Amino acid sequence: MRILSCILLFSMLFLPALGSQIGHESDPQFRPHRSVEEARRDAEREKAMNKARAERIKRDTDKLLQLATELKRYVDKTNENVLSVDVIKKAEEVEKLAKNIREKMKEDYRIPDTTDIRP
């Protein structure tokens, strides 16, 4: 029973550390230390990507407002007995664009900091 306990303790303590070191060596993107120039370049790229994302979100929300206004006009023109195909298509456009905007807002362009990772 003691042998089994020792084996279990050994596997819990040492095998996860060995596995994490092996995984990093085989990953060509992993570099434990970045130079100051690489960190600055990554920060600039991250900032530019986030700025472009914010511009796309603004452009898309302007378009969403326009589509929603058009949808309201279409709905105002219909009565309770008639539902236009144009109204349904416009509602689908609004829904699709709103989902697209939501996904863009969830995007994250942060670059992982590998300077704190120790093999």
N, C-alpha and C. Protein backbone atom coordinates (compact mmCIF):
# COMPACT_ATOMS: atom_id res chain seq x y z
N MET A 1 0.82 -1.19 0.00
CA MET A 1 0.00 0.00 0.00
C MET A 1 0.87 1.26 0.00
N ARG A 2 1.98 1.21 0.73
CA ARG A 2 2.88 2.35 0.77
C ARG A 2 3.50 2.62 -0.59
N ILE A 3 3.81 1.56 -1.31
CA ILE A 3 4.41 1.73 -2.64
C ILE A 3 3.42 2.43 -3.56
N LEU A 4 2.18 2.02 -3.51
CA LEU A 4 1.15 2.65 -4.34
C LEU A 4 0.98 4.12 -3.97
N SER A 5 1.02 4.43 -2.69
CA SER A 5 0.92 5.82 -2.23
C SER A 5 2.11 6.64 -2.72
N CYS A 6 3.29 6.07 -2.66
CA CYS A 6 4.50 6.77 -3.13
C CYS A 6 4.43 7.03 -4.63
N ILE A 7 3.98 6.04 -5.37
CA ILE A 7 3.86 6.20 -6.82
C ILE A 7 2.84 7.29 -7.15
N LEU A 8 1.73 7.29 -6.48
CA LEU A 8 0.69 8.29 -6.70
C LEU A 8 1.21 9.68 -6.35
N LEU A 9 1.91 9.81 -5.23
CA LEU A 9 2.47 11.09 -4.82
C LEU A 9 3.50 11.57 -5.84
N PHE A 10 4.37 10.68 -6.29
CA PHE A 10 5.38 11.03 -7.29
C PHE A 10 4.72 11.53 -8.58
N SER A 11 3.71 10.80 -9.02
CA SER A 11 3.06 11.19 -10.28
C SER A 11 2.35 12.53 -10.15
N MET A 12 1.79 12.82 -9.01
CA MET A 12 1.09 14.09 -8.81
C MET A 12 2.07 15.26 -8.74
N LEU A 13 3.25 15.02 -8.19
CA LEU A 13 4.20 16.11 -7.99
C LEU A 13 5.09 16.37 -9.21
N PHE A 14 5.55 15.33 -9.86
CA PHE A 14 6.59 15.52 -10.86
C PHE A 14 6.14 15.37 -12.30
N LEU A 15 5.16 14.57 -12.58
CA LEU A 15 4.76 14.37 -13.97
C LEU A 15 4.13 15.60 -14.61
N PRO A 16 3.29 16.39 -13.94
CA PRO A 16 2.77 17.60 -14.60
C PRO A 16 3.88 18.58 -14.99
N ALA A 17 4.90 18.71 -14.16
CA ALA A 17 6.00 19.62 -14.48
C ALA A 17 6.78 19.13 -15.69
N LEU A 18 7.01 17.84 -15.78
CA LEU A 18 7.72 17.29 -16.93
C LEU A 18 6.91 17.46 -18.21
N GLY A 19 5.61 17.24 -18.11
CA GLY A 19 4.74 17.38 -19.28
C GLY A 19 4.70 18.80 -19.80
N SER A 20 4.70 19.77 -18.91
CA SER A 20 4.65 21.16 -19.35
C SER A 20 5.96 21.57 -20.02
N GLN A 21 7.08 21.05 -19.57
CA GLN A 21 8.35 21.37 -20.21
C GLN A 21 8.44 20.74 -21.59
N ILE A 22 7.99 19.55 -21.73
CA ILE A 22 8.04 18.86 -23.02
C ILE A 22 7.17 19.58 -24.03
N GLY A 23 5.98 20.03 -23.63
CA GLY A 23 5.07 20.71 -24.54
C GLY A 23 5.65 22.00 -25.07
N HIS A 24 6.37 22.77 -24.25
CA HIS A 24 6.93 24.04 -24.69
C HIS A 24 8.08 23.85 -25.66
N GLU A 25 8.88 22.80 -25.47
CA GLU A 25 10.02 22.58 -26.36
C GLU A 25 9.57 22.26 -27.77
N SER A 26 8.45 21.59 -27.92
CA SER A 26 8.00 21.20 -29.24
C SER A 26 7.20 22.30 -29.92
N ASP A 27 6.83 23.35 -29.21
CA ASP A 27 6.04 24.44 -29.77
C ASP A 27 6.97 25.50 -30.35
N PRO A 28 6.95 25.70 -31.70
CA PRO A 28 7.87 26.67 -32.29
C PRO A 28 7.52 28.11 -31.93
N GLN A 29 6.28 28.38 -31.50
CA GLN A 29 5.87 29.72 -31.13
C GLN A 29 6.31 30.09 -29.71
N PHE A 30 6.67 29.10 -28.92
CA PHE A 30 7.03 29.36 -27.53
C PHE A 30 8.45 29.86 -27.44
N ARG A 31 8.59 31.02 -26.82
CA ARG A 31 9.90 31.58 -26.51
C ARG A 31 9.82 32.10 -25.09
N PRO A 32 10.59 31.53 -24.17
CA PRO A 32 10.46 31.94 -22.78
C PRO A 32 10.86 33.39 -22.53
N HIS A 33 11.71 33.97 -23.35
CA HIS A 33 12.16 35.34 -23.12
C HIS A 33 12.02 36.12 -24.42
N ARG A 34 11.41 37.30 -24.31
CA ARG A 34 11.29 38.18 -25.48
C ARG A 34 12.18 39.38 -25.26
N SER A 35 12.70 39.89 -26.35
CA SER A 35 13.51 41.09 -26.23
C SER A 35 12.59 42.29 -26.03
N VAL A 36 13.17 43.40 -25.63
CA VAL A 36 12.41 44.62 -25.44
C VAL A 36 11.79 45.05 -26.77
N GLU A 37 12.55 44.91 -27.84
CA GLU A 37 12.06 45.27 -29.18
C GLU A 37 10.86 44.40 -29.58
N GLU A 38 10.93 43.11 -29.31
CA GLU A 38 9.80 42.23 -29.63
C GLU A 38 8.57 42.60 -28.80
N ALA A 39 8.76 42.89 -27.55
CA ALA A 39 7.63 43.27 -26.68
C ALA A 39 7.01 44.58 -27.16
N ARG A 40 7.83 45.55 -27.55
CA ARG A 40 7.33 46.83 -28.06
C ARG A 40 6.56 46.62 -29.36
N ARG A 41 7.12 45.82 -30.25
CA ARG A 41 6.48 45.54 -31.53
C ARG A 41 5.14 44.82 -31.33
N ASP A 42 5.12 43.87 -30.41
CA ASP A 42 3.86 43.16 -30.11
C ASP A 42 2.82 44.11 -29.54
N ALA A 43 3.25 45.02 -28.66
CA ALA A 43 2.31 45.98 -28.06
C ALA A 43 1.75 46.93 -29.13
N GLU A 44 2.60 47.36 -30.05
CA GLU A 44 2.14 48.23 -31.14
C GLU A 44 1.15 47.50 -32.04
N ARG A 45 1.45 46.25 -32.36
CA ARG A 45 0.56 45.46 -33.21
C ARG A 45 -0.78 45.23 -32.52
N GLU A 46 -0.74 44.93 -31.24
CA GLU A 46 -1.97 44.74 -30.46
C GLU A 46 -2.81 46.01 -30.46
N LYS A 47 -2.15 47.16 -30.26
CA LYS A 47 -2.86 48.43 -30.24
C LYS A 47 -3.49 48.72 -31.59
N ALA A 48 -2.77 48.48 -32.69
CA ALA A 48 -3.30 48.72 -34.04
C ALA A 48 -4.48 47.79 -34.34
N MET A 49 -4.37 46.54 -33.93
CA MET A 49 -5.46 45.59 -34.18
C MET A 49 -6.71 45.99 -33.40
N ASN A 50 -6.54 46.43 -32.16
CA ASN A 50 -7.69 46.85 -31.35
C ASN A 50 -8.31 48.12 -31.90
N LYS A 51 -7.49 49.03 -32.42
CA LYS A 51 -8.02 50.25 -33.02
C LYS A 51 -8.84 49.92 -34.27
N ALA A 52 -8.32 49.03 -35.11
CA ALA A 52 -9.05 48.63 -36.32
C ALA A 52 -10.36 47.93 -35.96
N ARG A 53 -10.32 47.11 -34.92
CA ARG A 53 -11.54 46.42 -34.46
C ARG A 53 -12.58 47.42 -33.99
N ALA A 54 -12.14 48.43 -33.24
CA ALA A 54 -13.06 49.46 -32.75
C ALA A 54 -13.68 50.24 -33.91
N GLU A 55 -12.89 50.52 -34.94
CA GLU A 55 -13.41 51.21 -36.12
C GLU A 55 -14.45 50.36 -36.85
N ARG A 56 -14.18 49.05 -36.97
CA ARG A 56 -15.15 48.15 -37.62
C ARG A 56 -16.44 48.08 -36.82
N ILE A 57 -16.33 48.03 -35.50
CA ILE A 57 -17.52 47.98 -34.65
C ILE A 57 -18.33 49.26 -34.81
N LYS A 58 -17.66 50.41 -34.83
CA LYS A 58 -18.37 51.68 -35.01
C LYS A 58 -19.08 51.72 -36.36
N ARG A 59 -18.38 51.33 -37.42
CA ARG A 59 -18.97 51.31 -38.75
C ARG A 59 -20.18 50.37 -38.80
N ASP A 60 -20.03 49.20 -38.20
CA ASP A 60 -21.13 48.23 -38.21
C ASP A 60 -22.32 48.69 -37.36
N THR A 61 -22.07 49.37 -36.25
CA THR A 61 -23.19 49.85 -35.44
C THR A 61 -23.92 50.98 -36.15
N ASP A 62 -23.20 51.80 -36.90
CA ASP A 62 -23.87 52.82 -37.71
C ASP A 62 -24.78 52.15 -38.75
N LYS A 63 -24.29 51.10 -39.37
CA LYS A 63 -25.08 50.35 -40.35
C LYS A 63 -26.28 49.69 -39.67
N LEU A 64 -26.08 49.18 -38.47
CA LEU A 64 -27.16 48.54 -37.72
C LEU A 64 -28.27 49.55 -37.42
N LEU A 65 -27.89 50.75 -37.04
CA LEU A 65 -28.88 51.80 -36.77
C LEU A 65 -29.68 52.11 -38.04
N GLN A 66 -28.98 52.20 -39.16
CA GLN A 66 -29.65 52.47 -40.43
C GLN A 66 -30.64 51.34 -40.78
N LEU A 67 -30.20 50.10 -40.63
CA LEU A 67 -31.08 48.96 -40.93
C LEU A 67 -32.28 48.92 -39.99
N ALA A 68 -32.05 49.19 -38.72
CA ALA A 68 -33.15 49.18 -37.75
C ALA A 68 -34.17 50.27 -38.06
N THR A 69 -33.68 51.42 -38.50
CA THR A 69 -34.59 52.51 -38.89
C THR A 69 -35.41 52.12 -40.12
N GLU A 70 -34.76 51.48 -41.09
CA GLU A 70 -35.48 51.00 -42.27
C GLU A 70 -36.52 49.94 -41.88
N LEU A 71 -36.15 49.06 -40.97
CA LEU A 71 -37.08 48.03 -40.51
C LEU A 71 -38.30 48.67 -39.86
N LYS A 72 -38.09 49.68 -39.05
CA LYS A 72 -39.22 50.36 -38.42
C LYS A 72 -40.14 50.99 -39.46
N ARG A 73 -39.56 51.60 -40.49
CA ARG A 73 -40.39 52.18 -41.55
C ARG A 73 -41.22 51.11 -42.25
N TYR A 74 -40.58 49.96 -42.53
CA TYR A 74 -41.32 48.87 -43.19
C TYR A 74 -42.47 48.37 -42.31
N VAL A 75 -42.19 48.22 -41.02
CA VAL A 75 -43.22 47.73 -40.10
C VAL A 75 -44.35 48.76 -39.99
N ASP A 76 -44.02 50.03 -39.97
CA ASP A 76 -45.05 51.07 -39.89
C ASP A 76 -45.96 51.07 -41.12
N LYS A 77 -45.44 50.65 -42.26
CA LYS A 77 -46.23 50.62 -43.49
C LYS A 77 -47.16 49.41 -43.58
N THR A 78 -46.87 48.37 -42.81
CA THR A 78 -47.70 47.16 -42.86
C THR A 78 -48.85 47.29 -41.86
N ASN A 79 -49.87 46.45 -42.04
CA ASN A 79 -50.95 46.42 -41.06
C ASN A 79 -50.98 45.04 -40.39
N GLU A 80 -51.95 44.82 -39.53
CA GLU A 80 -51.98 43.57 -38.77
C GLU A 80 -52.29 42.35 -39.63
N ASN A 81 -52.81 42.54 -40.84
CA ASN A 81 -53.17 41.42 -41.70
C ASN A 81 -52.09 41.08 -42.72
N VAL A 82 -51.16 42.00 -42.95
CA VAL A 82 -50.16 41.79 -43.99
C VAL A 82 -48.77 41.98 -43.39
N LEU A 83 -47.93 40.98 -43.60
CA LEU A 83 -46.53 41.08 -43.18
C LEU A 83 -45.69 40.96 -44.44
N SER A 84 -44.98 41.99 -44.79
CA SER A 84 -44.21 42.03 -46.02
C SER A 84 -42.98 41.13 -45.94
N VAL A 85 -42.61 40.57 -47.08
CA VAL A 85 -41.39 39.77 -47.17
C VAL A 85 -40.18 40.66 -46.91
N ASP A 86 -40.30 41.93 -47.33
CA ASP A 86 -39.21 42.88 -47.09
C ASP A 86 -38.96 43.08 -45.60
N VAL A 87 -40.02 43.06 -44.81
CA VAL A 87 -39.87 43.22 -43.36
C VAL A 87 -39.09 42.05 -42.78
N ILE A 88 -39.41 40.85 -43.23
CA ILE A 88 -38.72 39.66 -42.73
C ILE A 88 -37.24 39.68 -43.14
N LYS A 89 -36.99 40.04 -44.39
CA LYS A 89 -35.60 40.10 -44.86
C LYS A 89 -34.81 41.16 -44.09
N LYS A 90 -35.42 42.30 -43.87
CA LYS A 90 -34.74 43.38 -43.15
C LYS A 90 -34.47 42.96 -41.70
N ALA A 91 -35.42 42.27 -41.08
CA ALA A 91 -35.21 41.78 -39.71
C ALA A 91 -34.06 40.77 -39.66
N GLU A 92 -33.97 39.92 -40.68
CA GLU A 92 -32.87 38.95 -40.73
C GLU A 92 -31.53 39.67 -40.90
N GLU A 93 -31.50 40.73 -41.71
CA GLU A 93 -30.27 41.51 -41.87
C GLU A 93 -29.84 42.13 -40.55
N VAL A 94 -30.82 42.70 -39.83
CA VAL A 94 -30.53 43.32 -38.54
C VAL A 94 -29.97 42.27 -37.57
N GLU A 95 -30.60 41.13 -37.53
CA GLU A 95 -30.15 40.07 -36.63
C GLU A 95 -28.74 39.61 -36.96
N LYS A 96 -28.46 39.40 -38.24
CA LYS A 96 -27.14 38.93 -38.66
C LYS A 96 -26.06 39.96 -38.31
N LEU A 97 -26.34 41.23 -38.59
CA LEU A 97 -25.36 42.27 -38.30
C LEU A 97 -25.15 42.42 -36.79
N ALA A 98 -26.21 42.32 -36.01
CA ALA A 98 -26.09 42.42 -34.55
C ALA A 98 -25.23 41.29 -34.00
N LYS A 99 -25.41 40.08 -34.51
CA LYS A 99 -24.57 38.95 -34.08
C LYS A 99 -23.11 39.17 -34.46
N ASN A 100 -22.90 39.71 -35.67
CA ASN A 100 -21.54 39.98 -36.13
C ASN A 100 -20.86 41.01 -35.22
N ILE A 101 -21.59 42.05 -34.86
CA ILE A 101 -21.03 43.07 -33.97
C ILE A 101 -20.70 42.46 -32.61
N ARG A 102 -21.60 41.63 -32.09
CA ARG A 102 -21.36 40.99 -30.79
C ARG A 102 -20.08 40.16 -30.83
N GLU A 103 -19.86 39.40 -31.91
CA GLU A 103 -18.67 38.58 -32.02
C GLU A 103 -17.40 39.44 -32.10
N LYS A 104 -17.48 40.56 -32.83
CA LYS A 104 -16.32 41.45 -32.91
C LYS A 104 -15.99 42.04 -31.54
N MET A 105 -17.01 42.31 -30.75
CA MET A 105 -16.78 42.86 -29.42
C MET A 105 -16.11 41.84 -28.50
N LYS A 106 -16.33 40.57 -28.77
CA LYS A 106 -15.73 39.52 -27.94
C LYS A 106 -14.28 39.23 -28.32
N GLU A 107 -13.85 39.65 -29.51
CA GLU A 107 -12.49 39.38 -29.96
C GLU A 107 -11.50 39.99 -28.98
N ASP A 108 -10.38 39.33 -28.84
CA ASP A 108 -9.36 39.79 -27.92
C ASP A 108 -8.01 39.66 -28.62
N TYR A 109 -7.32 40.77 -28.77
CA TYR A 109 -6.04 40.74 -29.47
C TYR A 109 -4.85 40.86 -28.55
N ARG A 110 -5.05 40.52 -27.28
CA ARG A 110 -3.90 40.59 -26.37
C ARG A 110 -2.91 39.50 -26.72
N ILE A 111 -1.66 39.86 -26.70
CA ILE A 111 -0.60 38.91 -26.98
C ILE A 111 -0.12 38.35 -25.65
N PRO A 112 -0.06 37.02 -25.52
CA PRO A 112 0.32 36.44 -24.24
C PRO A 112 1.74 36.84 -23.85
N ASP A 113 1.91 37.16 -22.59
CA ASP A 113 3.21 37.53 -22.07
C ASP A 113 3.95 36.27 -21.68
N THR A 114 5.02 35.97 -22.40
CA THR A 114 5.77 34.74 -22.13
C THR A 114 6.99 34.99 -21.26
N THR A 115 7.18 36.22 -20.80
CA THR A 115 8.36 36.51 -20.00
C THR A 115 8.28 35.89 -18.62
N ASP A 116 7.08 35.64 -18.12
CA ASP A 116 6.94 35.08 -16.78
C ASP A 116 6.90 33.56 -16.75
N ILE A 117 6.90 32.94 -17.91
CA ILE A 117 6.82 31.47 -17.97
C ILE A 117 8.21 30.91 -17.75
N ARG A 118 8.27 30.00 -16.81
CA ARG A 118 9.56 29.36 -16.51
C ARG A 118 9.46 27.89 -16.85
N PRO A 119 10.40 27.40 -17.67
CA PRO A 119 10.35 25.96 -18.01
C PRO A 119 10.69 25.07 -16.87
